[in-house]
Amino acid sequence: MISAYILIQTHVGGPARVAHDIAGMPGVRSAEAVTGPYDVIVLAEANDLDELAKLVVRRIQEVEGVTRTLTCPVVHL
């Protein structure tokens, strides 16, 4: 199992709706609107890197209002 934080930038006025739309997706543990350089932070889990990539590219990036994503896989050192 791989976990990742996905940092999302949205159009102005979009963070709450984007977080709500993403929160219900399979593999998403949480989606929260935040302040700062990113507008939404998502915690996601997937069986492998390919599944995680599909979640980001095919699902999250397709949500209306999403303008940019940055995926940060969790490492266990």
C-alpha atoms as a PDB file:
ATOM      1  CA  MET A   1       0.000   0.000   0.000  1.00  0.00           C
ATOM      2  CA  ILE A   2       1.256   3.462  -0.908  1.00  0.00           C
ATOM      3  CA  SER A   3       0.043   6.707   0.672  1.00  0.00           C
ATOM      4  CA  ALA A   4       0.474  10.183  -0.755  1.00  0.00           C
ATOM      5  CA  TYR A   5      -0.445  13.770  -0.082  1.00  0.00           C
ATOM      6  CA  ILE A   6      -1.771  15.501  -3.169  1.00  0.00           C
ATOM      7  CA  LEU A   7      -1.504  19.290  -3.122  1.00  0.00           C
ATOM      8  CA  ILE A   8      -4.014  21.011  -5.373  1.00  0.00           C
ATOM      9  CA  GLN A   9      -4.379  24.505  -6.752  1.00  0.00           C
ATOM     10  CA  THR A  10      -7.846  25.596  -7.888  1.00  0.00           C
ATOM     11  CA  HIS A  11      -9.600  28.515  -9.525  1.00  0.00           C
ATOM     12  CA  VAL A  12     -10.536  31.345  -7.150  1.00  0.00           C
ATOM     13  CA  GLY A  13     -13.581  30.367  -5.100  1.00  0.00           C
ATOM     14  CA  GLY A  14     -13.187  26.672  -5.859  1.00  0.00           C
ATOM     15  CA  PRO A  15     -11.428  25.012  -2.906  1.00  0.00           C
ATOM     16  CA  ALA A  16     -14.495  23.995  -0.866  1.00  0.00           C
ATOM     17  CA  ARG A  17     -16.310  22.477  -3.853  1.00  0.00           C
ATOM     18  CA  VAL A  18     -13.177  20.758  -5.177  1.00  0.00           C
ATOM     19  CA  ALA A  19     -12.429  19.259  -1.735  1.00  0.00           C
ATOM     20  CA  HIS A  20     -16.039  18.049  -1.467  1.00  0.00           C
ATOM     21  CA  ASP A  21     -15.979  16.477  -4.942  1.00  0.00           C
ATOM     22  CA  ILE A  22     -12.685  14.686  -4.305  1.00  0.00           C
ATOM     23  CA  ALA A  23     -13.506  13.509  -0.773  1.00  0.00           C
ATOM     24  CA  GLY A  24     -15.924  10.850  -2.029  1.00  0.00           C
ATOM     25  CA  MET A  25     -13.545   9.232  -4.518  1.00  0.00           C
ATOM     26  CA  PRO A  26     -12.328   5.674  -3.899  1.00  0.00           C
ATOM     27  CA  GLY A  27      -8.809   5.753  -2.458  1.00  0.00           C
ATOM     28  CA  VAL A  28      -9.193   9.216  -0.918  1.00  0.00           C
ATOM     29  CA  ARG A  29      -8.915   9.184   2.872  1.00  0.00           C
ATOM     30  CA  SER A  30      -9.426  12.935   3.316  1.00  0.00           C
ATOM     31  CA  ALA A  31      -9.660  16.124   1.289  1.00  0.00           C
ATOM     32  CA  GLU A  32      -9.437  19.481   3.031  1.00  0.00           C
ATOM     33  CA  ALA A  33      -9.518  23.080   1.817  1.00  0.00           C
ATOM     34  CA  VAL A  34      -6.512  24.972   3.219  1.00  0.00           C
ATOM     35  CA  THR A  35      -4.849  28.374   2.956  1.00  0.00           C
ATOM     36  CA  GLY A  36      -1.427  29.058   1.482  1.00  0.00           C
ATOM     37  CA  PRO A  37       0.102  28.336  -1.919  1.00  0.00           C
ATOM     38  CA  TYR A  38      -2.180  25.303  -2.364  1.00  0.00           C
ATOM     39  CA  ASP A  39      -5.941  25.331  -1.929  1.00  0.00           C
ATOM     40  CA  VAL A  40      -6.735  21.675  -1.169  1.00  0.00           C
ATOM     41  CA  ILE A  41      -4.711  18.886   0.432  1.00  0.00           C
ATOM     42  CA  VAL A  42      -5.735  15.276  -0.187  1.00  0.00           C
ATOM     43  CA  LEU A  43      -4.525  12.163   1.611  1.00  0.00           C
ATOM     44  CA  ALA A  44      -4.849   9.181  -0.712  1.00  0.00           C
ATOM     45  CA  GLU A  45      -3.997   5.477  -0.606  1.00  0.00           C
ATOM     46  CA  ALA A  46      -3.481   3.039  -3.461  1.00  0.00           C
ATOM     47  CA  ASN A  47      -2.184  -0.491  -3.912  1.00  0.00           C
ATOM     48  CA  ASP A  48       0.744   0.689  -6.051  1.00  0.00           C
ATOM     49  CA  LEU A  49       2.193   3.696  -7.847  1.00  0.00           C
ATOM     50  CA  ASP A  50       0.264   3.001 -11.067  1.00  0.00           C
ATOM     51  CA  GLU A  51      -3.054   2.993  -9.208  1.00  0.00           C
ATOM     52  CA  LEU A  52      -2.093   6.230  -7.462  1.00  0.00           C
ATOM     53  CA  ALA A  53      -1.170   7.845 -10.787  1.00  0.00           C
ATOM     54  CA  LYS A  54      -4.524   6.826 -12.273  1.00  0.00           C
ATOM     55  CA  LEU A  55      -6.349   8.375  -9.314  1.00  0.00           C
ATOM     56  CA  VAL A  56      -4.514  11.659  -9.801  1.00  0.00           C
ATOM     57  CA  VAL A  57      -4.537  11.879 -13.606  1.00  0.00           C
ATOM     58  CA  ARG A  58      -7.877  10.271 -14.447  1.00  0.00           C
ATOM     59  CA  ARG A  59      -9.964  11.384 -11.482  1.00  0.00           C
ATOM     60  CA  ILE A  60      -8.569  14.296  -9.460  1.00  0.00           C
ATOM     61  CA  GLN A  61      -7.192  16.334 -12.363  1.00  0.00           C
ATOM     62  CA  GLU A  62     -10.542  15.978 -14.147  1.00  0.00           C
ATOM     63  CA  VAL A  63     -12.477  17.712 -11.343  1.00  0.00           C
ATOM     64  CA  GLU A  64     -13.768  21.079 -12.511  1.00  0.00           C
ATOM     65  CA  GLY A  65     -11.730  23.899 -10.969  1.00  0.00           C
ATOM     66  CA  VAL A  66      -8.485  21.953 -10.468  1.00  0.00           C
ATOM     67  CA  THR A  67      -5.639  23.835 -12.141  1.00  0.00           C
ATOM     68  CA  ARG A  68      -2.523  22.057 -10.834  1.00  0.00           C
ATOM     69  CA  THR A  69      -1.560  19.073  -8.675  1.00  0.00           C
ATOM     70  CA  LEU A  70       1.607  18.030  -6.884  1.00  0.00           C
ATOM     71  CA  THR A  71       1.782  14.431  -5.643  1.00  0.00           C
ATOM     72  CA  CYS A  72       3.977  13.709  -2.606  1.00  0.00           C
ATOM     73  CA  PRO A  73       4.290   9.967  -1.857  1.00  0.00           C
ATOM     74  CA  VAL A  74       4.836   9.123   1.806  1.00  0.00           C
ATOM     75  CA  VAL A  75       8.187   7.500   2.597  1.00  0.00           C
ATOM     76  CA  HIS A  76       8.939   5.482   5.717  1.00  0.00           C
ATOM     77  CA  LEU A  77      12.564   6.120   6.691  1.00  0.00           C
END
